[in-house]
Amino acid sequence: MQVERLILGELETNCYLLTINKEVIIIDPAAQAGEIINKVGERKVRTILITHNHFDHIGALEELQKYYQVKVNDFTIKDMKVISTKGHTRDSKTFYFPKEKKMFCGDFLFANSYGRTDLATGDEKEMLNSLKLISKYPDDITLYPGHGNITNLGIEKKNFEFYYNNLF
């Protein structure tokens, strides 16, 4: 799997292009559809995955869906698991590729932080449950968040106890 990151839109959202077996999966097409299309080039797009439906993660979705004529959130991708990581939003999902040890977590987790829970459909209790769920996964997983730097689950787990005790 090859992962390319594009930083798009006014909120500098991470959009990821995953190349698997010569097909591309677009994760969170934030904005600037033309830039995404140029970066994909001649490769075939298999699907577009959305971690959650906030405007800064789906700004180019409609245009790309029409352009590539693909389904959104086709969860039949081999070796991919979809994990419900509610908290930031009710529909937050993390896309996990166990073989590659990669998680695309949207605004659920960031480097040294977790997603806001004070926006529409956000829920602190659900965030706590999601953090507890994700803490069961191996430390050596690379996390690809919706904003900011790529990080590692083991590094982020070190912050979880602080979150549990001080923020909820």
Protein backbone atom coordinates (compact mmCIF):
# COMPACT_ATOMS: atom_id res chain seq x y z
CA MET A 1 0.00 0.00 0.00
CA GLN A 2 1.27 3.41 -0.96
CA VAL A 3 -0.15 6.40 0.97
CA GLU A 4 -0.10 9.95 -0.35
CA ARG A 5 -1.30 12.91 1.72
CA LEU A 6 -2.82 16.06 0.31
CA ILE A 7 -3.52 18.99 2.63
CA LEU A 8 -6.60 20.72 1.29
CA GLY A 9 -9.11 23.44 2.03
CA GLU A 10 -9.24 26.34 4.42
CA LEU A 11 -9.00 24.07 7.47
CA GLU A 12 -6.01 22.19 6.02
CA THR A 13 -7.72 18.82 6.05
CA ASN A 14 -5.71 15.71 5.25
CA CYS A 15 -6.98 13.84 2.22
CA TYR A 16 -5.32 10.49 1.63
CA LEU A 17 -4.82 8.56 -1.59
CA LEU A 18 -4.15 4.87 -0.99
CA THR A 19 -2.84 2.84 -3.88
CA ILE A 20 -3.53 -0.87 -3.50
CA ASN A 21 -3.04 -3.25 -6.44
CA LYS A 22 -3.00 -0.35 -8.93
CA GLU A 23 -6.32 1.01 -7.66
CA VAL A 24 -6.76 4.19 -5.63
CA ILE A 25 -8.93 4.70 -2.58
CA ILE A 26 -9.60 8.34 -1.74
CA ILE A 27 -10.13 9.07 1.95
CA ASP A 28 -11.79 12.35 2.97
CA PRO A 29 -11.85 14.43 -0.24
CA ALA A 30 -11.82 17.71 1.65
CA ALA A 31 -11.75 20.28 -1.17
CA GLN A 32 -10.06 21.16 -4.44
CA ALA A 33 -11.39 18.30 -6.56
CA GLY A 34 -9.12 19.32 -9.46
CA GLU A 35 -6.02 18.87 -7.34
CA ILE A 36 -7.17 15.40 -6.25
CA ILE A 37 -7.97 14.42 -9.86
CA ASN A 38 -4.52 15.63 -11.00
CA LYS A 39 -2.78 13.67 -8.24
CA VAL A 40 -4.75 10.47 -9.02
CA GLY A 41 -3.81 10.82 -12.68
CA GLU A 42 -4.50 7.78 -14.83
CA ARG A 43 -4.97 5.40 -11.93
CA LYS A 44 -8.37 3.77 -11.40
CA VAL A 45 -10.35 4.94 -8.36
CA ARG A 46 -11.99 2.06 -6.50
CA THR A 47 -14.00 4.02 -3.92
CA ILE A 48 -14.12 7.12 -1.79
CA LEU A 49 -14.13 6.63 1.98
CA ILE A 50 -15.46 9.24 4.39
CA THR A 51 -14.43 9.19 8.07
CA HIS A 52 -17.30 11.54 9.00
CA ASN A 53 -19.56 14.02 7.28
CA HIS A 54 -18.20 17.40 8.38
CA PHE A 55 -17.92 19.92 5.54
CA ASP A 56 -14.13 20.05 5.72
CA HIS A 57 -13.89 16.32 4.93
CA ILE A 58 -16.43 16.10 2.09
CA GLY A 59 -16.06 19.38 0.18
CA ALA A 60 -15.01 17.68 -3.07
CA LEU A 61 -17.06 14.50 -2.57
CA GLU A 62 -19.94 15.20 -4.93
CA GLU A 63 -17.69 16.35 -7.77
CA LEU A 64 -15.34 13.36 -7.40
CA GLN A 65 -18.17 10.87 -7.11
CA LYS A 66 -19.61 12.13 -10.41
CA TYR A 67 -16.19 12.27 -12.08
CA TYR A 68 -15.11 8.75 -11.09
CA GLN A 69 -18.57 7.14 -11.00
CA VAL A 70 -17.78 5.23 -7.81
CA LYS A 71 -19.62 4.30 -4.65
CA VAL A 72 -18.89 6.15 -1.45
CA ASN A 73 -17.96 4.06 1.59
CA ASP A 74 -17.66 0.75 -0.23
CA PHE A 75 -16.65 -1.30 2.80
CA THR A 76 -15.95 -4.48 0.79
CA ILE A 77 -12.25 -3.67 0.45
CA LYS A 78 -10.20 -6.75 1.19
CA ASP A 79 -8.19 -6.60 4.41
CA MET A 80 -9.89 -3.41 5.64
CA LYS A 81 -11.85 -3.16 8.88
CA VAL A 82 -14.27 -0.36 9.65
CA ILE A 83 -14.27 0.64 13.31
CA SER A 84 -17.02 2.84 14.72
CA THR A 85 -15.17 5.56 16.65
CA LYS A 86 -18.03 7.79 17.73
CA GLY A 87 -17.42 10.83 19.85
CA HIS A 88 -16.36 13.60 17.50
CA THR A 89 -19.53 12.82 15.54
CA ARG A 90 -22.14 10.09 15.64
CA ASP A 91 -20.95 8.78 12.26
CA SER A 92 -17.18 8.83 12.90
CA LYS A 93 -15.36 5.82 11.47
CA THR A 94 -11.77 4.65 11.46
CA PHE A 95 -10.52 2.60 8.51
CA TYR A 96 -8.02 0.00 9.67
CA PHE A 97 -5.69 -2.01 7.45
CA PRO A 98 -4.25 -4.64 9.85
CA LYS A 99 -1.76 -6.13 7.41
CA GLU A 100 -0.19 -2.70 6.78
CA LYS A 101 -0.74 -1.54 10.39
CA LYS A 102 -2.40 1.69 9.26
CA MET A 103 -5.48 3.49 10.64
CA PHE A 104 -7.19 6.41 8.95
CA CYS A 105 -9.01 8.01 11.85
CA GLY A 106 -10.41 11.33 10.61
CA ASP A 107 -11.04 13.70 13.51
CA PHE A 108 -11.26 10.96 16.14
CA LEU A 109 -7.55 11.14 17.06
CA PHE A 110 -4.76 13.57 16.27
CA ALA A 111 -1.13 13.82 17.27
CA ASN A 112 -1.34 14.64 21.00
CA SER A 113 -5.09 15.21 21.00
CA TYR A 114 -8.50 13.81 20.21
CA GLY A 115 -11.46 15.22 18.30
CA ARG A 116 -13.76 17.88 19.64
CA THR A 117 -16.98 16.63 21.17
CA ASP A 118 -18.78 19.98 21.45
CA LEU A 119 -20.06 20.11 17.86
CA ALA A 120 -23.37 18.71 16.57
CA THR A 121 -23.66 14.93 17.31
CA GLY A 122 -20.43 15.01 19.36
CA ASP A 123 -20.53 13.08 22.62
CA GLU A 124 -17.88 12.88 25.37
CA LYS A 125 -19.15 9.54 26.65
CA GLU A 126 -18.95 8.03 23.15
CA MET A 127 -15.44 9.49 22.75
CA LEU A 128 -14.37 7.82 25.98
CA ASN A 129 -15.79 4.49 24.76
CA SER A 130 -13.99 4.89 21.42
CA LEU A 131 -10.68 5.67 23.12
CA LYS A 132 -11.06 2.57 25.29
CA LEU A 133 -11.87 0.49 22.20
CA ILE A 134 -8.92 1.75 20.17
CA SER A 135 -6.54 1.26 23.11
CA LYS A 136 -6.89 -2.50 22.60
CA TYR A 137 -5.13 -2.31 19.23
CA PRO A 138 -1.34 -2.78 18.84
CA ASP A 139 0.99 0.12 19.61
CA ASP A 140 2.85 -0.09 16.30
CA ILE A 141 -0.09 1.11 14.17
CA THR A 142 0.47 4.29 12.18
CA LEU A 143 -2.37 6.81 12.60
CA TYR A 144 -3.40 9.05 9.72
CA PRO A 145 -5.55 11.82 11.23
CA GLY A 146 -7.89 14.27 9.52
CA HIS A 147 -5.67 17.24 10.37
CA GLY A 148 -2.06 17.70 11.37
CA ASN A 149 0.79 15.24 11.50
CA ILE A 150 0.79 11.49 11.06
CA THR A 151 1.46 9.75 14.37
CA ASN A 152 1.61 6.34 16.06
CA LEU A 153 -1.00 4.65 18.25
CA GLY A 154 1.52 3.69 20.93
CA ILE A 155 2.57 7.32 21.31
CA GLU A 156 -1.05 8.48 21.49
CA LYS A 157 -2.03 5.81 24.04
CA LYS A 158 0.33 7.49 26.51
CA ASN A 159 -2.13 10.41 26.56
CA PHE A 160 -5.26 8.32 27.08
CA GLU A 161 -4.96 8.05 30.87
CA PHE A 162 -4.76 11.84 31.08
CA TYR A 163 -7.86 12.13 28.89
CA TYR A 164 -9.77 9.62 31.02
CA ASN A 165 -8.89 11.30 34.32
CA ASN A 166 -8.99 14.98 33.40
CA LEU A 167 -11.21 15.61 30.46
CA PHE A 168 -14.27 13.41 30.93
